[in-house]
Amino acid sequence: MDNTWDLLLALAFLALGVAFRMGKCTDWVLGKDEAVRAKYNEETSMRFFSILMFVLSACNWISVLGSSLNNTIVVMVGIGLNLIVLVVGMTYFLKSKKFRK
């Protein structure tokens, strides 16, 4: 099995996690509209998205490991974890009052 895409995604999520942790890319998360940005706590939001990217990177590393071991089940578990983390994380961000001012 070819694990190139899984590896690239894992590294990309890791890089995004570091960028979000450093406070970069706030326009990607909160947008450029000042009315929308005023509603959200920027530091808490960026910390949450940083953690979310690190978890997504870990899920992709599971897929990379499964692909290296030629184990389709482990690859599917990694993909399933990616979907679950993404849906639960975004739902939590949008529904939680923790990130709003």
PDB file of N, CA and C in Angstrom:
ATOM      1  N   MET A   1       0.837  -1.185   0.000  1.00  0.00           N
ATOM      2  CA  MET A   1       0.000   0.000   0.000  1.00  0.00           C
ATOM      3  C   MET A   1       0.880   1.246   0.000  1.00  0.00           C
ATOM      4  N   ASP A   2       0.391   2.276  -0.633  1.00  0.00           N
ATOM      5  CA  ASP A   2       1.123   3.529  -0.708  1.00  0.00           C
ATOM      6  C   ASP A   2       0.643   4.457   0.408  1.00  0.00           C
ATOM      7  N   ASN A   3       1.559   4.893   1.248  1.00  0.00           N
ATOM      8  CA  ASN A   3       1.175   5.732   2.378  1.00  0.00           C
ATOM      9  C   ASN A   3       1.590   7.186   2.190  1.00  0.00           C
ATOM     10  N   THR A   4       1.857   7.602   0.958  1.00  0.00           N
ATOM     11  CA  THR A   4       2.332   8.956   0.699  1.00  0.00           C
ATOM     12  C   THR A   4       1.308  10.003   1.128  1.00  0.00           C
ATOM     13  N   TRP A   5       0.047   9.820   0.750  1.00  0.00           N
ATOM     14  CA  TRP A   5      -0.981  10.807   1.084  1.00  0.00           C
ATOM     15  C   TRP A   5      -1.233  10.863   2.586  1.00  0.00           C
ATOM     16  N   ASP A   6      -1.239   9.720   3.236  1.00  0.00           N
ATOM     17  CA  ASP A   6      -1.413   9.711   4.691  1.00  0.00           C
ATOM     18  C   ASP A   6      -0.263  10.436   5.382  1.00  0.00           C
ATOM     19  N   LEU A   7       0.939  10.203   4.896  1.00  0.00           N
ATOM     20  CA  LEU A   7       2.112  10.854   5.466  1.00  0.00           C
ATOM     21  C   LEU A   7       2.063  12.367   5.251  1.00  0.00           C
ATOM     22  N   LEU A   8       1.693  12.783   4.038  1.00  0.00           N
ATOM     23  CA  LEU A   8       1.583  14.218   3.757  1.00  0.00           C
ATOM     24  C   LEU A   8       0.501  14.881   4.611  1.00  0.00           C
ATOM     25  N   LEU A   9      -0.639  14.205   4.781  1.00  0.00           N
ATOM     26  CA  LEU A   9      -1.697  14.754   5.630  1.00  0.00           C
ATOM     27  C   LEU A   9      -1.252  14.839   7.084  1.00  0.00           C
ATOM     28  N   ALA A  10      -0.554  13.829   7.556  1.00  0.00           N
ATOM     29  CA  ALA A  10      -0.067  13.843   8.942  1.00  0.00           C
ATOM     30  C   ALA A  10       0.893  15.005   9.158  1.00  0.00           C
ATOM     31  N   LEU A  11       1.790  15.218   8.223  1.00  0.00           N
ATOM     32  CA  LEU A  11       2.736  16.321   8.343  1.00  0.00           C
ATOM     33  C   LEU A  11       2.042  17.677   8.196  1.00  0.00           C
ATOM     34  N   ALA A  12       1.049  17.755   7.317  1.00  0.00           N
ATOM     35  CA  ALA A  12       0.312  19.011   7.136  1.00  0.00           C
ATOM     36  C   ALA A  12      -0.473  19.370   8.392  1.00  0.00           C
ATOM     37  N   PHE A  13      -1.157  18.396   8.989  1.00  0.00           N
ATOM     38  CA  PHE A  13      -1.892  18.668  10.228  1.00  0.00           C
ATOM     39  C   PHE A  13      -0.939  19.044  11.357  1.00  0.00           C
ATOM     40  N   LEU A  14       0.225  18.417  11.388  1.00  0.00           N
ATOM     41  CA  LEU A  14       1.221  18.751  12.397  1.00  0.00           C
ATOM     42  C   LEU A  14       1.709  20.190  12.214  1.00  0.00           C
ATOM     43  N   ALA A  15       1.971  20.576  10.970  1.00  0.00           N
ATOM     44  CA  ALA A  15       2.410  21.943  10.683  1.00  0.00           C
ATOM     45  C   ALA A  15       1.313  22.959  11.015  1.00  0.00           C
ATOM     46  N   LEU A  16       0.074  22.628  10.696  1.00  0.00           N
ATOM     47  CA  LEU A  16      -1.033  23.520  11.048  1.00  0.00           C
ATOM     48  C   LEU A  16      -1.187  23.648  12.556  1.00  0.00           C
ATOM     49  N   GLY A  17      -1.019  22.543  13.273  1.00  0.00           N
ATOM     50  CA  GLY A  17      -1.089  22.590  14.730  1.00  0.00           C
ATOM     51  C   GLY A  17      -0.041  23.523  15.311  1.00  0.00           C
ATOM     52  N   VAL A  18       1.173  23.457  14.778  1.00  0.00           N
ATOM     53  CA  VAL A  18       2.241  24.338  15.242  1.00  0.00           C
ATOM     54  C   VAL A  18       1.921  25.793  14.880  1.00  0.00           C
ATOM     55  N   ALA A  19       1.431  26.020  13.668  1.00  0.00           N
ATOM     56  CA  ALA A  19       1.092  27.381  13.245  1.00  0.00           C
ATOM     57  C   ALA A  19      -0.029  27.966  14.099  1.00  0.00           C
ATOM     58  N   PHE A  20      -1.054  27.170  14.382  1.00  0.00           N
ATOM     59  CA  PHE A  20      -2.140  27.655  15.227  1.00  0.00           C
ATOM     60  C   PHE A  20      -1.645  27.913  16.644  1.00  0.00           C
ATOM     61  N   ARG A  21      -0.758  27.077  17.139  1.00  0.00           N
ATOM     62  CA  ARG A  21      -0.234  27.243  18.495  1.00  0.00           C
ATOM     63  C   ARG A  21       0.594  28.515  18.608  1.00  0.00           C
ATOM     64  N   MET A  22       1.273  28.873  17.516  1.00  0.00           N
ATOM     65  CA  MET A  22       2.082  30.088  17.501  1.00  0.00           C
ATOM     66  C   MET A  22       1.227  31.333  17.293  1.00  0.00           C
ATOM     67  N   GLY A  23      -0.067  31.146  17.014  1.00  0.00           N
ATOM     68  CA  GLY A  23      -0.961  32.289  16.823  1.00  0.00           C
ATOM     69  C   GLY A  23      -1.071  32.753  15.384  1.00  0.00           C
ATOM     70  N   LYS A  24      -0.502  32.016  14.486  1.00  0.00           N
ATOM     71  CA  LYS A  24      -0.600  32.353  13.063  1.00  0.00           C
ATOM     72  C   LYS A  24      -1.925  31.814  12.530  1.00  0.00           C
ATOM     73  N   CYS A  25      -2.307  32.235  11.349  1.00  0.00           N
ATOM     74  CA  CYS A  25      -3.484  31.718  10.640  1.00  0.00           C
ATOM     75  C   CYS A  25      -4.800  32.013  11.365  1.00  0.00           C
ATOM     76  N   THR A  26      -4.862  33.095  12.120  1.00  0.00           N
ATOM     77  CA  THR A  26      -6.124  33.415  12.793  1.00  0.00           C
ATOM     78  C   THR A  26      -7.215  33.776  11.797  1.00  0.00           C
ATOM     79  N   ASP A  27      -6.814  34.306  10.644  1.00  0.00           N
ATOM     80  CA  ASP A  27      -7.804  34.629   9.614  1.00  0.00           C
ATOM     81  C   ASP A  27      -8.476  33.375   9.077  1.00  0.00           C
ATOM     82  N   TRP A  28      -7.774  32.251   9.066  1.00  0.00           N
ATOM     83  CA  TRP A  28      -8.353  30.995   8.600  1.00  0.00           C
ATOM     84  C   TRP A  28      -9.431  30.508   9.554  1.00  0.00           C
ATOM     85  N   VAL A  29      -9.209  30.700  10.844  1.00  0.00           N
ATOM     86  CA  VAL A  29     -10.132  30.181  11.845  1.00  0.00           C
ATOM     87  C   VAL A  29     -11.300  31.129  12.056  1.00  0.00           C
ATOM     88  N   LEU A  30     -11.011  32.395  12.273  1.00  0.00           N
ATOM     89  CA  LEU A  30     -12.054  33.346  12.650  1.00  0.00           C
ATOM     90  C   LEU A  30     -12.488  34.271  11.524  1.00  0.00           C
ATOM     91  N   GLY A  31     -11.785  34.259  10.423  1.00  0.00           N
ATOM     92  CA  GLY A  31     -12.141  35.120   9.310  1.00  0.00           C
ATOM     93  C   GLY A  31     -11.603  36.528   9.495  1.00  0.00           C
ATOM     94  N   LYS A  32     -11.862  37.390   8.522  1.00  0.00           N
ATOM     95  CA  LYS A  32     -11.364  38.760   8.565  1.00  0.00           C
ATOM     96  C   LYS A  32     -12.431  39.756   8.996  1.00  0.00           C
ATOM     97  N   ASP A  33     -13.663  39.323   9.083  1.00  0.00           N
ATOM     98  CA  ASP A  33     -14.753  40.205   9.465  1.00  0.00           C
ATOM     99  C   ASP A  33     -14.661  40.532  10.955  1.00  0.00           C
ATOM    100  N   GLU A  34     -14.538  41.797  11.270  1.00  0.00           N
ATOM    101  CA  GLU A  34     -14.369  42.216  12.662  1.00  0.00           C
ATOM    102  C   GLU A  34     -15.606  41.915  13.510  1.00  0.00           C
ATOM    103  N   ALA A  35     -16.785  41.936  12.912  1.00  0.00           N
ATOM    104  CA  ALA A  35     -18.007  41.631  13.669  1.00  0.00           C
ATOM    105  C   ALA A  35     -18.011  40.177  14.131  1.00  0.00           C
ATOM    106  N   VAL A  36     -17.543  39.285  13.294  1.00  0.00           N
ATOM    107  CA  VAL A  36     -17.477  37.869  13.652  1.00  0.00           C
ATOM    108  C   VAL A  36     -16.349  37.640  14.661  1.00  0.00           C
ATOM    109  N   ARG A  37     -15.214  38.270  14.427  1.00  0.00           N
ATOM    110  CA  ARG A  37     -14.059  38.094  15.323  1.00  0.00           C
ATOM    111  C   ARG A  37     -14.354  38.602  16.730  1.00  0.00           C
ATOM    112  N   ALA A  38     -15.196  39.610  16.823  1.00  0.00           N
ATOM    113  CA  ALA A  38     -15.525  40.170  18.135  1.00  0.00           C
ATOM    114  C   ALA A  38     -16.325  39.187  18.985  1.00  0.00           C
ATOM    115  N   LYS A  39     -16.975  38.229  18.346  1.00  0.00           N
ATOM    116  CA  LYS A  39     -17.805  37.255  19.070  1.00  0.00           C
ATOM    117  C   LYS A  39     -16.989  36.140  19.711  1.00  0.00           C
ATOM    118  N   TYR A  40     -15.784  35.893  19.213  1.00  0.00           N
ATOM    119  CA  TYR A  40     -15.001  34.736  19.647  1.00  0.00           C
ATOM    120  C   TYR A  40     -13.766  35.156  20.442  1.00  0.00           C
ATOM    121  N   ASN A  41     -13.409  34.336  21.391  1.00  0.00           N
ATOM    122  CA  ASN A  41     -12.183  34.513  22.153  1.00  0.00           C
ATOM    123  C   ASN A  41     -11.044  33.931  21.315  1.00  0.00           C
ATOM    124  N   GLU A  42     -10.181  34.788  20.823  1.00  0.00           N
ATOM    125  CA  GLU A  42      -9.172  34.370  19.852  1.00  0.00           C
ATOM    126  C   GLU A  42      -8.162  33.379  20.437  1.00  0.00           C
ATOM    127  N   GLU A  43      -7.670  33.633  21.634  1.00  0.00           N
ATOM    128  CA  GLU A  43      -6.647  32.766  22.229  1.00  0.00           C
ATOM    129  C   GLU A  43      -7.186  31.353  22.491  1.00  0.00           C
ATOM    130  N   THR A  44      -8.384  31.276  23.055  1.00  0.00           N
ATOM    131  CA  THR A  44      -8.986  29.972  23.344  1.00  0.00           C
ATOM    132  C   THR A  44      -9.293  29.220  22.053  1.00  0.00           C
ATOM    133  N   SER A  45      -9.779  29.918  21.046  1.00  0.00           N
ATOM    134  CA  SER A  45     -10.099  29.288  19.769  1.00  0.00           C
ATOM    135  C   SER A  45      -8.852  28.740  19.091  1.00  0.00           C
ATOM    136  N   MET A  46      -7.786  29.516  19.107  1.00  0.00           N
ATOM    137  CA  MET A  46      -6.554  29.067  18.457  1.00  0.00           C
ATOM    138  C   MET A  46      -5.946  27.878  19.208  1.00  0.00           C
ATOM    139  N   ARG A  47      -6.028  27.884  20.525  1.00  0.00           N
ATOM    140  CA  ARG A  47      -5.526  26.755  21.311  1.00  0.00           C
ATOM    141  C   ARG A  47      -6.323  25.494  20.987  1.00  0.00           C
ATOM    142  N   PHE A  48      -7.657  25.634  20.884  1.00  0.00           N
ATOM    143  CA  PHE A  48      -8.506  24.485  20.555  1.00  0.00           C
ATOM    144  C   PHE A  48      -8.163  23.922  19.179  1.00  0.00           C
ATOM    145  N   PHE A  49      -8.027  24.804  18.178  1.00  0.00           N
ATOM    146  CA  PHE A  49      -7.721  24.325  16.833  1.00  0.00           C
ATOM    147  C   PHE A  49      -6.316  23.727  16.753  1.00  0.00           C
ATOM    148  N   SER A  50      -5.401  24.226  17.545  1.00  0.00           N
ATOM    149  CA  SER A  50      -4.074  23.629  17.603  1.00  0.00           C
ATOM    150  C   SER A  50      -4.152  22.193  18.106  1.00  0.00           C
ATOM    151  N   ILE A  51      -4.880  21.988  19.189  1.00  0.00           N
ATOM    152  CA  ILE A  51      -5.045  20.636  19.730  1.00  0.00           C
ATOM    153  C   ILE A  51      -5.767  19.746  18.731  1.00  0.00           C
ATOM    154  N   LEU A  52      -6.789  20.289  18.074  1.00  0.00           N
ATOM    155  CA  LEU A  52      -7.532  19.518  17.073  1.00  0.00           C
ATOM    156  C   LEU A  52      -6.610  19.069  15.942  1.00  0.00           C
ATOM    157  N   MET A  53      -5.731  19.936  15.473  1.00  0.00           N
ATOM    158  CA  MET A  53      -4.799  19.572  14.400  1.00  0.00           C
ATOM    159  C   MET A  53      -3.798  18.518  14.861  1.00  0.00           C
ATOM    160  N   PHE A  54      -3.328  18.612  16.115  1.00  0.00           N
ATOM    161  CA  PHE A  54      -2.409  17.591  16.624  1.00  0.00           C
ATOM    162  C   PHE A  54      -3.100  16.226  16.720  1.00  0.00           C
ATOM    163  N   VAL A  55      -4.356  16.210  17.129  1.00  0.00           N
ATOM    164  CA  VAL A  55      -5.096  14.943  17.214  1.00  0.00           C
ATOM    165  C   VAL A  55      -5.337  14.374  15.817  1.00  0.00           C
ATOM    166  N   LEU A  56      -5.678  15.235  14.861  1.00  0.00           N
ATOM    167  CA  LEU A  56      -5.859  14.763  13.483  1.00  0.00           C
ATOM    168  C   LEU A  56      -4.543  14.231  12.910  1.00  0.00           C
ATOM    169  N   SER A  57      -3.438  14.864  13.257  1.00  0.00           N
ATOM    170  CA  SER A  57      -2.138  14.366  12.818  1.00  0.00           C
ATOM    171  C   SER A  57      -1.874  12.977  13.403  1.00  0.00           C
ATOM    172  N   ALA A  58      -2.199  12.788  14.676  1.00  0.00           N
ATOM    173  CA  ALA A  58      -2.016  11.473  15.306  1.00  0.00           C
ATOM    174  C   ALA A  58      -2.871  10.414  14.621  1.00  0.00           C
ATOM    175  N   CYS A  59      -4.090  10.766  14.259  1.00  0.00           N
ATOM    176  CA  CYS A  59      -4.966   9.817  13.554  1.00  0.00           C
ATOM    177  C   CYS A  59      -4.375   9.443  12.195  1.00  0.00           C
ATOM    178  N   ASN A  60      -3.782  10.408  11.517  1.00  0.00           N
ATOM    179  CA  ASN A  60      -3.150  10.104  10.238  1.00  0.00           C
ATOM    180  C   ASN A  60      -1.892   9.263  10.411  1.00  0.00           C
ATOM    181  N   TRP A  61      -1.180   9.441  11.523  1.00  0.00           N
ATOM    182  CA  TRP A  61      -0.018   8.590  11.774  1.00  0.00           C
ATOM    183  C   TRP A  61      -0.451   7.151  11.983  1.00  0.00           C
ATOM    184  N   ILE A  62      -1.642   6.942  12.522  1.00  0.00           N
ATOM    185  CA  ILE A  62      -2.181   5.573  12.646  1.00  0.00           C
ATOM    186  C   ILE A  62      -2.374   4.980  11.250  1.00  0.00           C
ATOM    187  N   SER A  63      -2.904   5.793  10.326  1.00  0.00           N
ATOM    188  CA  SER A  63      -3.075   5.323   8.945  1.00  0.00           C
ATOM    189  C   SER A  63      -1.730   5.031   8.280  1.00  0.00           C
ATOM    190  N   VAL A  64      -0.734   5.861   8.539  1.00  0.00           N
ATOM    191  CA  VAL A  64       0.603   5.640   7.977  1.00  0.00           C
ATOM    192  C   VAL A  64       1.167   4.326   8.494  1.00  0.00           C
ATOM    193  N   LEU A  65       1.020   4.095   9.793  1.00  0.00           N
ATOM    194  CA  LEU A  65       1.503   2.848  10.387  1.00  0.00           C
ATOM    195  C   LEU A  65       0.788   1.643   9.780  1.00  0.00           C
ATOM    196  N   GLY A  66      -0.530   1.736   9.647  1.00  0.00           N
ATOM    197  CA  GLY A  66      -1.295   0.635   9.052  1.00  0.00           C
ATOM    198  C   GLY A  66      -0.905   0.373   7.614  1.00  0.00           C
ATOM    199  N   SER A  67      -0.652   1.448   6.880  1.00  0.00           N
ATOM    200  CA  SER A  67      -0.242   1.299   5.489  1.00  0.00           C
ATOM    201  C   SER A  67       1.146   0.666   5.394  1.00  0.00           C
ATOM    202  N   SER A  68       2.024   1.046   6.295  1.00  0.00           N
ATOM    203  CA  SER A  68       3.371   0.460   6.293  1.00  0.00           C
ATOM    204  C   SER A  68       3.345  -1.020   6.646  1.00  0.00           C
ATOM    205  N   LEU A  69       2.399  -1.394   7.505  1.00  0.00           N
ATOM    206  CA  LEU A  69       2.270  -2.797   7.905  1.00  0.00           C
ATOM    207  C   LEU A  69       1.392  -3.607   6.947  1.00  0.00           C
ATOM    208  N   ASN A  70       0.901  -2.957   5.890  1.00  0.00           N
ATOM    209  CA  ASN A  70      -0.022  -3.581   4.936  1.00  0.00           C
ATOM    210  C   ASN A  70      -1.253  -4.146   5.644  1.00  0.00           C
ATOM    211  N   ASN A  71      -1.765  -3.411   6.596  1.00  0.00           N
ATOM    212  CA  ASN A  71      -2.938  -3.814   7.356  1.00  0.00           C
ATOM    213  C   ASN A  71      -4.071  -2.828   7.059  1.00  0.00           C
ATOM    214  N   THR A  72      -5.009  -3.251   6.235  1.00  0.00           N
ATOM    215  CA  THR A  72      -6.107  -2.389   5.801  1.00  0.00           C
ATOM    216  C   THR A  72      -7.006  -1.990   6.963  1.00  0.00           C
ATOM    217  N   ILE A  73      -7.176  -2.865   7.918  1.00  0.00           N
ATOM    218  CA  ILE A  73      -8.032  -2.569   9.071  1.00  0.00           C
ATOM    219  C   ILE A  73      -7.501  -1.365   9.844  1.00  0.00           C
ATOM    220  N   VAL A  74      -6.198  -1.312  10.071  1.00  0.00           N
ATOM    221  CA  VAL A  74      -5.606  -0.193  10.819  1.00  0.00           C
ATOM    222  C   VAL A  74      -5.749   1.105  10.030  1.00  0.00           C
ATOM    223  N   VAL A  75      -5.610   1.042   8.712  1.00  0.00           N
ATOM    224  CA  VAL A  75      -5.800   2.222   7.871  1.00  0.00           C
ATOM    225  C   VAL A  75      -7.233   2.723   7.995  1.00  0.00           C
ATOM    226  N   MET A  76      -8.200   1.810   7.939  1.00  0.00           N
ATOM    227  CA  MET A  76      -9.603   2.200   8.053  1.00  0.00           C
ATOM    228  C   MET A  76      -9.919   2.772   9.443  1.00  0.00           C
ATOM    229  N   VAL A  77      -9.280   2.230  10.475  1.00  0.00           N
ATOM    230  CA  VAL A  77      -9.464   2.768  11.827  1.00  0.00           C
ATOM    231  C   VAL A  77      -8.942   4.207  11.884  1.00  0.00           C
ATOM    232  N   GLY A  78      -7.789   4.460  11.275  1.00  0.00           N
ATOM    233  CA  GLY A  78      -7.235   5.815  11.233  1.00  0.00           C
ATOM    234  C   GLY A  78      -8.143   6.784  10.503  1.00  0.00           C
ATOM    235  N   ILE A  79      -8.698   6.347   9.377  1.00  0.00           N
ATOM    236  CA  ILE A  79      -9.620   7.194   8.614  1.00  0.00           C
ATOM    237  C   ILE A  79     -10.898   7.446   9.409  1.00  0.00           C
ATOM    238  N   GLY A  80     -11.410   6.399  10.041  1.00  0.00           N
ATOM    239  CA  GLY A  80     -12.611   6.557  10.872  1.00  0.00           C
ATOM    240  C   GLY A  80     -12.381   7.506  12.031  1.00  0.00           C
ATOM    241  N   LEU A  81     -11.218   7.393  12.674  1.00  0.00           N
ATOM    242  CA  LEU A  81     -10.884   8.305  13.768  1.00  0.00           C
ATOM    243  C   LEU A  81     -10.779   9.747  13.276  1.00  0.00           C
ATOM    244  N   ASN A  82     -10.217   9.933  12.087  1.00  0.00           N
ATOM    245  CA  ASN A  82     -10.155  11.268  11.489  1.00  0.00           C
ATOM    246  C   ASN A  82     -11.544  11.874  11.355  1.00  0.00           C
ATOM    247  N   LEU A  83     -12.461  11.102  10.807  1.00  0.00           N
ATOM    248  CA  LEU A  83     -13.817  11.607  10.607  1.00  0.00           C
ATOM    249  C   LEU A  83     -14.501  11.919  11.934  1.00  0.00           C
ATOM    250  N   ILE A  84     -14.357  11.023  12.896  1.00  0.00           N
ATOM    251  CA  ILE A  84     -14.992  11.225  14.194  1.00  0.00           C
ATOM    252  C   ILE A  84     -14.425  12.466  14.886  1.00  0.00           C
ATOM    253  N   VAL A  85     -13.102  12.592  14.894  1.00  0.00           N
ATOM    254  CA  VAL A  85     -12.470  13.742  15.551  1.00  0.00           C
ATOM    255  C   VAL A  85     -12.870  15.041  14.866  1.00  0.00           C
ATOM    256  N   LEU A  86     -12.904  15.041  13.550  1.00  0.00           N
ATOM    257  CA  LEU A  86     -13.264  16.246  12.819  1.00  0.00           C
ATOM    258  C   LEU A  86     -14.703  16.668  13.088  1.00  0.00           C
ATOM    259  N   VAL A  87     -15.629  15.731  13.021  1.00  0.00           N
ATOM    260  CA  VAL A  87     -17.043  16.057  13.247  1.00  0.00           C
ATOM    261  C   VAL A  87     -17.289  16.481  14.694  1.00  0.00           C
ATOM    262  N   VAL A  88     -16.760  15.710  15.637  1.00  0.00           N
ATOM    263  CA  VAL A  88     -16.967  16.044  17.053  1.00  0.00           C
ATOM    264  C   VAL A  88     -16.277  17.366  17.400  1.00  0.00           C
ATOM    265  N   GLY A  89     -15.065  17.571  16.912  1.00  0.00           N
ATOM    266  CA  GLY A  89     -14.337  18.811  17.195  1.00  0.00           C
ATOM    267  C   GLY A  89     -15.016  20.041  16.652  1.00  0.00           C
ATOM    268  N   MET A  90     -15.466  19.982  15.410  1.00  0.00           N
ATOM    269  CA  MET A  90     -16.131  21.142  14.820  1.00  0.00           C
ATOM    270  C   MET A  90     -17.494  21.391  15.458  1.00  0.00           C
ATOM    271  N   THR A  91     -18.217  20.334  15.780  1.00  0.00           N
ATOM    272  CA  THR A  91     -19.506  20.490  16.453  1.00  0.00           C
ATOM    273  C   THR A  91     -19.310  21.121  17.824  1.00  0.00           C
ATOM    274  N   TYR A  92     -18.305  20.665  18.552  1.00  0.00           N
ATOM    275  CA  TYR A  92     -18.012  21.221  19.869  1.00  0.00           C
ATOM    276  C   TYR A  92     -17.656  22.697  19.760  1.00  0.00           C
ATOM    277  N   PHE A  93     -16.839  23.055  18.759  1.00  0.00           N
ATOM    278  CA  PHE A  93     -16.440  24.446  18.584  1.00  0.00           C
ATOM    279  C   PHE A  93     -17.638  25.329  18.269  1.00  0.00           C
ATOM    280  N   LEU A  94     -18.505  24.854  17.396  1.00  0.00           N
ATOM    281  CA  LEU A  94     -19.640  25.673  16.976  1.00  0.00           C
ATOM    282  C   LEU A  94     -20.735  25.765  18.038  1.00  0.00           C
ATOM    283  N   LYS A  95     -20.898  24.729  18.843  1.00  0.00           N
ATOM    284  CA  LYS A  95     -21.977  24.704  19.836  1.00  0.00           C
ATOM    285  C   LYS A  95     -21.567  25.215  21.217  1.00  0.00           C
ATOM    286  N   SER A  96     -20.289  25.150  21.542  1.00  0.00           N
ATOM    287  CA  SER A  96     -19.829  25.487  22.883  1.00  0.00           C
ATOM    288  C   SER A  96     -19.803  27.002  23.091  1.00  0.00           C
ATOM    289  N   LYS A  97     -20.179  27.415  24.270  1.00  0.00           N
ATOM    290  CA  LYS A  97     -20.126  28.838  24.634  1.00  0.00           C
ATOM    291  C   LYS A  97     -18.735  29.225  25.150  1.00  0.00           C
ATOM    292  N   LYS A  98     -17.876  28.233  25.329  1.00  0.00           N
ATOM    293  CA  LYS A  98     -16.529  28.452  25.855  1.00  0.00           C
ATOM    294  C   LYS A  98     -15.700  29.361  24.962  1.00  0.00           C
ATOM    295  N   PHE A  99     -15.929  29.325  23.671  1.00  0.00           N
ATOM    296  CA  PHE A  99     -15.109  30.074  22.726  1.00  0.00           C
ATOM    297  C   PHE A  99     -15.658  31.456  22.425  1.00  0.00           C
ATOM    298  N   ARG A 100     -16.854  31.741  22.892  1.00  0.00           N
ATOM    299  CA  ARG A 100     -17.478  33.044  22.638  1.00  0.00           C
ATOM    300  C   ARG A 100     -17.180  33.992  23.788  1.00  0.00           C
ATOM    301  N   LYS A 101     -17.187  35.266  23.457  1.00  0.00           N
ATOM    302  CA  LYS A 101     -16.971  36.286  24.488  1.00  0.00           C
ATOM    303  C   LYS A 101     -18.265  36.610  25.197  1.00  0.00           C
TER     304      LYS A 101
END
